[in-house]
Amino acid sequence: MMPKQTTDVDRLVGLRITALRKARGLSQTALGTAVGVTFQQVQKYEKGQNRVGAGRLREIARLLDVPVSAFFEEKDEGAAPKEDVFGFLSAHGAIELLRAYALIENDQMRRDVLAIVRTVAKLGQPQADVAEAEAAE
């Protein structure tokens, strides 16, 4: 009998657990304690190395205040990977940036911060990508 292998779905569920956990400001230890596993086990779930059982996934969803379907919903087939919200949230620093942005109460300051981020993003792109991005705006 072959050992069970993790799949792309297990990795997708893991990425979404990570993004939602970070969005809630929870550590791996806090999530693990709340669902009765070690932080090492949470790490394995998040990396897609171990499968998350149905009961445990339901408990994780409850703690993160999302429906279980949030871990499985398909993105728009025509969307590029970075257009998927979980693709965005998995980028290093994305959740921290969103948290900080949400704390800005002044609308003009939010627009200014967004303009700065867009400018910096354009500086990091090849010129052909910049022209394409500007045409899409």
C-alpha atoms as a PDB file:
ATOM      1  CA  MET A   1       0.000   0.000   0.000  1.00  0.00           C
ATOM      2  CA  MET A   2       1.388   3.393  -1.010  1.00  0.00           C
ATOM      3  CA  PRO A   3       1.501   6.184   1.581  1.00  0.00           C
ATOM      4  CA  LYS A   4      -0.954   8.983   0.982  1.00  0.00           C
ATOM      5  CA  GLN A   5       0.598  11.842  -0.945  1.00  0.00           C
ATOM      6  CA  THR A   6      -0.351  15.459  -0.485  1.00  0.00           C
ATOM      7  CA  THR A   7      -1.856  17.152  -3.518  1.00  0.00           C
ATOM      8  CA  ASP A   8      -2.090  20.596  -5.065  1.00  0.00           C
ATOM      9  CA  VAL A   9      -5.387  20.989  -3.197  1.00  0.00           C
ATOM     10  CA  ASP A  10      -3.597  20.338   0.117  1.00  0.00           C
ATOM     11  CA  ARG A  11      -1.042  23.008  -0.780  1.00  0.00           C
ATOM     12  CA  LEU A  12      -3.797  25.451  -1.799  1.00  0.00           C
ATOM     13  CA  VAL A  13      -5.640  24.861   1.488  1.00  0.00           C
ATOM     14  CA  GLY A  14      -2.357  25.449   3.325  1.00  0.00           C
ATOM     15  CA  LEU A  15      -1.681  28.733   1.531  1.00  0.00           C
ATOM     16  CA  ARG A  16      -5.171  29.934   2.333  1.00  0.00           C
ATOM     17  CA  ILE A  17      -4.851  28.948   5.992  1.00  0.00           C
ATOM     18  CA  THR A  18      -1.641  30.987   6.117  1.00  0.00           C
ATOM     19  CA  ALA A  19      -3.184  34.056   4.484  1.00  0.00           C
ATOM     20  CA  LEU A  20      -6.330  33.982   6.613  1.00  0.00           C
ATOM     21  CA  ARG A  21      -4.385  33.304   9.824  1.00  0.00           C
ATOM     22  CA  LYS A  22      -2.078  36.240   9.171  1.00  0.00           C
ATOM     23  CA  ALA A  23      -5.013  38.457   8.229  1.00  0.00           C
ATOM     24  CA  ARG A  24      -6.485  37.709  11.673  1.00  0.00           C
ATOM     25  CA  GLY A  25      -3.145  38.458  13.334  1.00  0.00           C
ATOM     26  CA  LEU A  26      -2.781  34.938  14.744  1.00  0.00           C
ATOM     27  CA  SER A  27       0.507  33.138  15.195  1.00  0.00           C
ATOM     28  CA  GLN A  28       0.929  29.505  14.219  1.00  0.00           C
ATOM     29  CA  THR A  29       1.185  28.721  17.930  1.00  0.00           C
ATOM     30  CA  ALA A  30      -2.099  30.488  18.735  1.00  0.00           C
ATOM     31  CA  LEU A  31      -3.924  28.726  15.909  1.00  0.00           C
ATOM     32  CA  GLY A  32      -2.438  25.363  16.855  1.00  0.00           C
ATOM     33  CA  THR A  33      -3.352  25.764  20.517  1.00  0.00           C
ATOM     34  CA  ALA A  34      -6.904  26.738  19.588  1.00  0.00           C
ATOM     35  CA  VAL A  35      -7.392  23.641  17.411  1.00  0.00           C
ATOM     36  CA  GLY A  36      -5.386  21.220  19.569  1.00  0.00           C
ATOM     37  CA  VAL A  37      -2.195  20.754  17.549  1.00  0.00           C
ATOM     38  CA  THR A  38       1.389  22.001  17.819  1.00  0.00           C
ATOM     39  CA  PHE A  39       2.673  24.979  15.857  1.00  0.00           C
ATOM     40  CA  GLN A  40       4.852  22.492  13.960  1.00  0.00           C
ATOM     41  CA  GLN A  41       1.688  20.722  12.785  1.00  0.00           C
ATOM     42  CA  VAL A  42       0.211  24.069  11.686  1.00  0.00           C
ATOM     43  CA  GLN A  43       3.434  24.685   9.733  1.00  0.00           C
ATOM     44  CA  LYS A  44       3.024  21.332   7.988  1.00  0.00           C
ATOM     45  CA  TYR A  45      -0.612  22.152   7.137  1.00  0.00           C
ATOM     46  CA  GLU A  46       0.377  25.553   5.778  1.00  0.00           C
ATOM     47  CA  LYS A  47       3.177  24.136   3.631  1.00  0.00           C
ATOM     48  CA  GLY A  48       0.871  21.420   2.309  1.00  0.00           C
ATOM     49  CA  GLN A  49       3.095  18.706   3.783  1.00  0.00           C
ATOM     50  CA  ASN A  50       0.238  17.241   5.832  1.00  0.00           C
ATOM     51  CA  ARG A  51      -3.421  17.043   4.962  1.00  0.00           C
ATOM     52  CA  VAL A  52      -5.908  18.820   7.190  1.00  0.00           C
ATOM     53  CA  GLY A  53      -8.727  16.516   8.293  1.00  0.00           C
ATOM     54  CA  ALA A  54     -12.306  17.651   7.703  1.00  0.00           C
ATOM     55  CA  GLY A  55     -13.105  18.178  11.390  1.00  0.00           C
ATOM     56  CA  ARG A  56      -9.932  20.127  12.014  1.00  0.00           C
ATOM     57  CA  LEU A  57     -10.455  22.238   8.883  1.00  0.00           C
ATOM     58  CA  ARG A  58     -13.963  23.050  10.090  1.00  0.00           C
ATOM     59  CA  GLU A  59     -12.533  24.173  13.446  1.00  0.00           C
ATOM     60  CA  ILE A  60      -9.856  26.289  11.718  1.00  0.00           C
ATOM     61  CA  ALA A  61     -12.545  27.898   9.558  1.00  0.00           C
ATOM     62  CA  ARG A  62     -14.615  28.680  12.673  1.00  0.00           C
ATOM     63  CA  LEU A  63     -11.620  30.265  14.410  1.00  0.00           C
ATOM     64  CA  LEU A  64     -10.743  32.319  11.322  1.00  0.00           C
ATOM     65  CA  ASP A  65     -14.407  33.303  10.904  1.00  0.00           C
ATOM     66  CA  VAL A  66     -14.712  32.040   7.326  1.00  0.00           C
ATOM     67  CA  PRO A  67     -16.790  29.307   5.721  1.00  0.00           C
ATOM     68  CA  VAL A  68     -14.963  26.042   5.015  1.00  0.00           C
ATOM     69  CA  SER A  69     -15.519  26.766   1.321  1.00  0.00           C
ATOM     70  CA  ALA A  70     -13.070  29.692   1.605  1.00  0.00           C
ATOM     71  CA  PHE A  71     -10.256  27.135   1.549  1.00  0.00           C
ATOM     72  CA  PHE A  72     -11.424  25.608  -1.742  1.00  0.00           C
ATOM     73  CA  GLU A  73     -13.131  28.265  -3.843  1.00  0.00           C
ATOM     74  CA  GLU A  74     -11.805  28.414  -7.335  1.00  0.00           C
ATOM     75  CA  LYS A  75     -10.498  31.678  -8.701  1.00  0.00           C
ATOM     76  CA  ASP A  76     -11.763  33.068 -11.962  1.00  0.00           C
ATOM     77  CA  GLU A  77     -10.358  30.802 -14.678  1.00  0.00           C
ATOM     78  CA  GLY A  78      -9.311  33.794 -16.806  1.00  0.00           C
ATOM     79  CA  ALA A  79      -7.500  35.507 -13.917  1.00  0.00           C
ATOM     80  CA  ALA A  80      -3.743  35.483 -13.655  1.00  0.00           C
ATOM     81  CA  PRO A  81      -2.370  33.913 -10.427  1.00  0.00           C
ATOM     82  CA  LYS A  82      -1.590  37.329  -8.952  1.00  0.00           C
ATOM     83  CA  GLU A  83      -5.205  38.420  -9.541  1.00  0.00           C
ATOM     84  CA  ASP A  84      -6.413  35.757  -7.108  1.00  0.00           C
ATOM     85  CA  VAL A  85      -6.859  37.408  -3.691  1.00  0.00           C
ATOM     86  CA  PHE A  86      -4.931  34.611  -1.999  1.00  0.00           C
ATOM     87  CA  GLY A  87      -2.130  35.061  -4.517  1.00  0.00           C
ATOM     88  CA  PHE A  88      -1.925  38.694  -3.457  1.00  0.00           C
ATOM     89  CA  LEU A  89      -2.027  37.871   0.232  1.00  0.00           C
ATOM     90  CA  SER A  90       0.716  35.266  -0.059  1.00  0.00           C
ATOM     91  CA  ALA A  91       3.211  37.890  -1.296  1.00  0.00           C
ATOM     92  CA  HIS A  92       5.734  38.641   1.436  1.00  0.00           C
ATOM     93  CA  GLY A  93       4.588  41.649   3.485  1.00  0.00           C
ATOM     94  CA  ALA A  94       1.188  41.979   1.772  1.00  0.00           C
ATOM     95  CA  ILE A  95      -0.886  41.422   4.879  1.00  0.00           C
ATOM     96  CA  GLU A  96       1.251  43.785   6.939  1.00  0.00           C
ATOM     97  CA  LEU A  97       0.920  46.423   4.204  1.00  0.00           C
ATOM     98  CA  LEU A  98      -2.863  46.018   4.130  1.00  0.00           C
ATOM     99  CA  ARG A  99      -3.072  46.228   7.922  1.00  0.00           C
ATOM    100  CA  ALA A 100      -1.058  49.444   7.977  1.00  0.00           C
ATOM    101  CA  TYR A 101      -3.072  50.895   5.081  1.00  0.00           C
ATOM    102  CA  ALA A 102      -6.343  50.133   6.901  1.00  0.00           C
ATOM    103  CA  LEU A 103      -5.121  52.137   9.899  1.00  0.00           C
ATOM    104  CA  ILE A 104      -4.838  55.315   7.794  1.00  0.00           C
ATOM    105  CA  GLU A 105      -8.019  57.277   8.454  1.00  0.00           C
ATOM    106  CA  ASN A 106      -7.427  60.256   6.165  1.00  0.00           C
ATOM    107  CA  ASP A 107      -8.747  59.582   2.627  1.00  0.00           C
ATOM    108  CA  GLN A 108      -6.245  61.887   0.936  1.00  0.00           C
ATOM    109  CA  MET A 109      -3.381  60.236   2.779  1.00  0.00           C
ATOM    110  CA  ARG A 110      -4.644  56.810   1.642  1.00  0.00           C
ATOM    111  CA  ARG A 111      -4.680  58.028  -1.984  1.00  0.00           C
ATOM    112  CA  ASP A 112      -1.140  59.383  -1.542  1.00  0.00           C
ATOM    113  CA  VAL A 113       0.109  56.092  -0.096  1.00  0.00           C
ATOM    114  CA  LEU A 114      -1.526  54.187  -2.953  1.00  0.00           C
ATOM    115  CA  ALA A 115       0.128  56.524  -5.480  1.00  0.00           C
ATOM    116  CA  ILE A 116       3.533  55.922  -3.846  1.00  0.00           C
ATOM    117  CA  VAL A 117       3.076  52.142  -3.889  1.00  0.00           C
ATOM    118  CA  ARG A 118       2.001  52.204  -7.541  1.00  0.00           C
ATOM    119  CA  THR A 119       5.046  54.304  -8.452  1.00  0.00           C
ATOM    120  CA  VAL A 120       7.415  51.962  -6.631  1.00  0.00           C
ATOM    121  CA  ALA A 121       5.749  48.944  -8.275  1.00  0.00           C
ATOM    122  CA  LYS A 122       6.226  50.498 -11.726  1.00  0.00           C
ATOM    123  CA  LEU A 123       9.911  51.120 -10.994  1.00  0.00           C
ATOM    124  CA  GLY A 124      10.364  47.396 -10.396  1.00  0.00           C
ATOM    125  CA  GLN A 125       8.747  46.334 -13.682  1.00  0.00           C
ATOM    126  CA  PRO A 126      10.276  46.083 -17.137  1.00  0.00           C
ATOM    127  CA  GLN A 127       9.113  48.998 -19.332  1.00  0.00           C
ATOM    128  CA  ALA A 128       6.814  46.826 -21.489  1.00  0.00           C
ATOM    129  CA  ASP A 129       4.934  45.706 -18.354  1.00  0.00           C
ATOM    130  CA  VAL A 130       4.604  49.330 -17.182  1.00  0.00           C
ATOM    131  CA  ALA A 131       3.039  50.412 -20.476  1.00  0.00           C
ATOM    132  CA  GLU A 132       0.624  47.482 -20.350  1.00  0.00           C
ATOM    133  CA  ALA A 133      -0.325  48.251 -16.718  1.00  0.00           C
ATOM    134  CA  GLU A 134      -0.908  51.927 -17.494  1.00  0.00           C
ATOM    135  CA  ALA A 135      -3.083  51.037 -20.477  1.00  0.00           C
ATOM    136  CA  ALA A 136      -5.220  48.822 -18.205  1.00  0.00           C
ATOM    137  CA  GLU A 137      -5.871  51.658 -15.693  1.00  0.00           C
END
